[in-house]
Amino acid sequence: MKRSAAIRVFRVLGDPQRFAIVEHLIRAPRSVQDLADRLPISRPAVSRHLRVLKRNHFVIAEARGAQRIYRLVPEGLDQLRDYLEHLWDESQRRFVIAAENTKPKR
């Protein structure tokens, strides 16, 4: 993952309300009203956060009658997982190098 994409992911998920929305959507698809009922923010605020999540490919909306039901797009979270795996792999690689360079000489 490119650094700019990682920064975008962290900016999107760095907002506590958007993070909470994602946590609720992990459990099940939900309407705006359902999310607003579960969060300490208004329905219009939930809609604004969902627009940001949708624009950044974390959620999609499906029309069900008069409601729009939002669900997570797994690929959006895959971006985050890929970046964290990259950081983990890099830190392990550097740890091995450091450990090899600090071995006692025989």
C-alpha atoms as a PDB file:
ATOM      1  CA  MET A   1       0.000   0.000   0.000  1.00  0.00           C
ATOM      2  CA  LYS A   2       1.294   3.420  -0.870  1.00  0.00           C
ATOM      3  CA  ARG A   3       1.935   5.821   1.966  1.00  0.00           C
ATOM      4  CA  SER A   4      -0.687   8.268   0.642  1.00  0.00           C
ATOM      5  CA  ALA A   5      -3.339   5.530   0.617  1.00  0.00           C
ATOM      6  CA  ALA A   6      -2.427   4.564   4.185  1.00  0.00           C
ATOM      7  CA  ILE A   7      -2.732   8.184   5.305  1.00  0.00           C
ATOM      8  CA  ARG A   8      -6.175   8.378   3.676  1.00  0.00           C
ATOM      9  CA  VAL A   9      -7.330   5.193   5.428  1.00  0.00           C
ATOM     10  CA  PHE A  10      -6.151   6.462   8.814  1.00  0.00           C
ATOM     11  CA  ARG A  11      -7.801   9.850   8.252  1.00  0.00           C
ATOM     12  CA  VAL A  12     -11.098   8.216   7.401  1.00  0.00           C
ATOM     13  CA  LEU A  13     -11.037   5.732  10.283  1.00  0.00           C
ATOM     14  CA  GLY A  14      -9.351   8.159  12.677  1.00  0.00           C
ATOM     15  CA  ASP A  15     -12.633   9.895  13.370  1.00  0.00           C
ATOM     16  CA  PRO A  16     -14.199   8.227  16.442  1.00  0.00           C
ATOM     17  CA  GLN A  17     -17.737   8.367  15.038  1.00  0.00           C
ATOM     18  CA  ARG A  18     -16.742   6.847  11.685  1.00  0.00           C
ATOM     19  CA  PHE A  19     -14.792   4.171  13.548  1.00  0.00           C
ATOM     20  CA  ALA A  20     -17.907   3.428  15.635  1.00  0.00           C
ATOM     21  CA  ILE A  21     -20.034   3.227  12.478  1.00  0.00           C
ATOM     22  CA  VAL A  22     -17.589   0.717  10.980  1.00  0.00           C
ATOM     23  CA  GLU A  23     -17.720  -1.323  14.201  1.00  0.00           C
ATOM     24  CA  HIS A  24     -21.520  -1.463  13.991  1.00  0.00           C
ATOM     25  CA  LEU A  25     -21.442  -2.364  10.305  1.00  0.00           C
ATOM     26  CA  ILE A  26     -18.996  -5.189  10.972  1.00  0.00           C
ATOM     27  CA  ARG A  27     -21.791  -6.886  12.913  1.00  0.00           C
ATOM     28  CA  ALA A  28     -24.576  -6.320  10.366  1.00  0.00           C
ATOM     29  CA  PRO A  29     -25.761  -4.008   7.574  1.00  0.00           C
ATOM     30  CA  ARG A  30     -27.764  -1.107   9.005  1.00  0.00           C
ATOM     31  CA  SER A  31     -29.873   1.884   8.003  1.00  0.00           C
ATOM     32  CA  VAL A  32     -28.936   5.470   8.835  1.00  0.00           C
ATOM     33  CA  GLN A  33     -31.668   5.563  11.486  1.00  0.00           C
ATOM     34  CA  ASP A  34     -30.495   2.308  13.036  1.00  0.00           C
ATOM     35  CA  LEU A  35     -26.962   3.691  13.279  1.00  0.00           C
ATOM     36  CA  ALA A  36     -28.210   7.012  14.681  1.00  0.00           C
ATOM     37  CA  ASP A  37     -30.154   5.114  17.351  1.00  0.00           C
ATOM     38  CA  ARG A  38     -26.944   3.356  18.409  1.00  0.00           C
ATOM     39  CA  LEU A  39     -24.637   6.392  18.378  1.00  0.00           C
ATOM     40  CA  PRO A  40     -24.538   9.660  20.328  1.00  0.00           C
ATOM     41  CA  ILE A  41     -24.857  11.713  17.117  1.00  0.00           C
ATOM     42  CA  SER A  42     -27.751  12.918  14.981  1.00  0.00           C
ATOM     43  CA  ARG A  43     -29.109  11.214  11.892  1.00  0.00           C
ATOM     44  CA  PRO A  44     -27.722  13.982   9.602  1.00  0.00           C
ATOM     45  CA  ALA A  45     -24.280  13.522  11.222  1.00  0.00           C
ATOM     46  CA  VAL A  46     -24.455   9.767  10.601  1.00  0.00           C
ATOM     47  CA  SER A  47     -25.343  10.491   6.964  1.00  0.00           C
ATOM     48  CA  ARG A  48     -22.329  12.804   6.601  1.00  0.00           C
ATOM     49  CA  HIS A  49     -19.993  10.171   8.053  1.00  0.00           C
ATOM     50  CA  LEU A  50     -21.463   7.509   5.788  1.00  0.00           C
ATOM     51  CA  ARG A  51     -20.845   9.742   2.760  1.00  0.00           C
ATOM     52  CA  VAL A  52     -17.169   9.960   3.737  1.00  0.00           C
ATOM     53  CA  LEU A  53     -16.992   6.195   4.239  1.00  0.00           C
ATOM     54  CA  LYS A  54     -18.742   5.597   0.912  1.00  0.00           C
ATOM     55  CA  ARG A  55     -16.521   8.054  -0.975  1.00  0.00           C
ATOM     56  CA  ASN A  56     -13.480   6.206   0.389  1.00  0.00           C
ATOM     57  CA  HIS A  57     -14.847   2.754  -0.527  1.00  0.00           C
ATOM     58  CA  PHE A  58     -15.500   1.464   2.990  1.00  0.00           C
ATOM     59  CA  VAL A  59     -19.273   1.091   2.614  1.00  0.00           C
ATOM     60  CA  ILE A  60     -21.925   0.701  -0.041  1.00  0.00           C
ATOM     61  CA  ALA A  61     -25.618   1.485   0.172  1.00  0.00           C
ATOM     62  CA  GLU A  62     -28.498  -0.628  -1.078  1.00  0.00           C
ATOM     63  CA  ALA A  63     -32.017   0.683  -1.480  1.00  0.00           C
ATOM     64  CA  ARG A  64     -34.633  -1.293   0.455  1.00  0.00           C
ATOM     65  CA  GLY A  65     -37.926   0.450  -0.033  1.00  0.00           C
ATOM     66  CA  ALA A  66     -37.549   3.988   1.265  1.00  0.00           C
ATOM     67  CA  GLN A  67     -34.448   3.096   3.296  1.00  0.00           C
ATOM     68  CA  ARG A  68     -30.839   2.868   2.329  1.00  0.00           C
ATOM     69  CA  ILE A  69     -29.033  -0.005   4.019  1.00  0.00           C
ATOM     70  CA  TYR A  70     -25.292   0.382   4.438  1.00  0.00           C
ATOM     71  CA  ARG A  71     -22.815  -2.454   4.592  1.00  0.00           C
ATOM     72  CA  LEU A  72     -19.068  -2.695   4.702  1.00  0.00           C
ATOM     73  CA  VAL A  73     -17.012  -3.283   1.597  1.00  0.00           C
ATOM     74  CA  PRO A  74     -14.378  -5.831   2.649  1.00  0.00           C
ATOM     75  CA  GLU A  75     -11.832  -4.379   0.233  1.00  0.00           C
ATOM     76  CA  GLY A  76     -11.889  -1.094   2.148  1.00  0.00           C
ATOM     77  CA  LEU A  77     -10.703  -2.802   5.300  1.00  0.00           C
ATOM     78  CA  ASP A  78      -8.303  -4.922   3.242  1.00  0.00           C
ATOM     79  CA  GLN A  79      -6.388  -1.715   2.538  1.00  0.00           C
ATOM     80  CA  LEU A  80      -5.872  -1.224   6.250  1.00  0.00           C
ATOM     81  CA  ARG A  81      -4.920  -4.864   6.818  1.00  0.00           C
ATOM     82  CA  ASP A  82      -2.419  -4.753   3.936  1.00  0.00           C
ATOM     83  CA  TYR A  83      -0.760  -1.658   5.356  1.00  0.00           C
ATOM     84  CA  LEU A  84      -0.553  -3.093   8.883  1.00  0.00           C
ATOM     85  CA  GLU A  85       0.861  -6.359   7.514  1.00  0.00           C
ATOM     86  CA  HIS A  86       3.458  -4.346   5.612  1.00  0.00           C
ATOM     87  CA  LEU A  87       4.442  -2.528   8.822  1.00  0.00           C
ATOM     88  CA  TRP A  88       4.576  -5.819  10.727  1.00  0.00           C
ATOM     89  CA  ASP A  89       6.706  -7.523   8.060  1.00  0.00           C
ATOM     90  CA  GLU A  90       9.079  -4.562   7.924  1.00  0.00           C
ATOM     91  CA  SER A  91       9.454  -4.434  11.704  1.00  0.00           C
ATOM     92  CA  GLN A  92      10.168  -8.182  11.821  1.00  0.00           C
ATOM     93  CA  ARG A  93      12.758  -7.828   9.069  1.00  0.00           C
ATOM     94  CA  ARG A  94      14.489  -5.020  10.952  1.00  0.00           C
ATOM     95  CA  PHE A  95      14.360  -6.996  14.213  1.00  0.00           C
ATOM     96  CA  VAL A  96      16.116  -9.949  12.541  1.00  0.00           C
ATOM     97  CA  ILE A  97      18.789  -7.632  11.154  1.00  0.00           C
ATOM     98  CA  ALA A  98      19.298  -6.038  14.575  1.00  0.00           C
ATOM     99  CA  ALA A  99      19.430  -9.442  16.289  1.00  0.00           C
ATOM    100  CA  GLU A 100      21.966 -10.770  13.782  1.00  0.00           C
ATOM    101  CA  ASN A 101      24.144  -7.700  14.209  1.00  0.00           C
ATOM    102  CA  THR A 102      24.175  -7.987  17.994  1.00  0.00           C
ATOM    103  CA  LYS A 103      25.069 -11.679  18.237  1.00  0.00           C
ATOM    104  CA  PRO A 104      28.044 -12.308  20.505  1.00  0.00           C
ATOM    105  CA  LYS A 105      31.232 -12.952  18.569  1.00  0.00           C
ATOM    106  CA  ARG A 106      32.785 -16.373  19.121  1.00  0.00           C
END
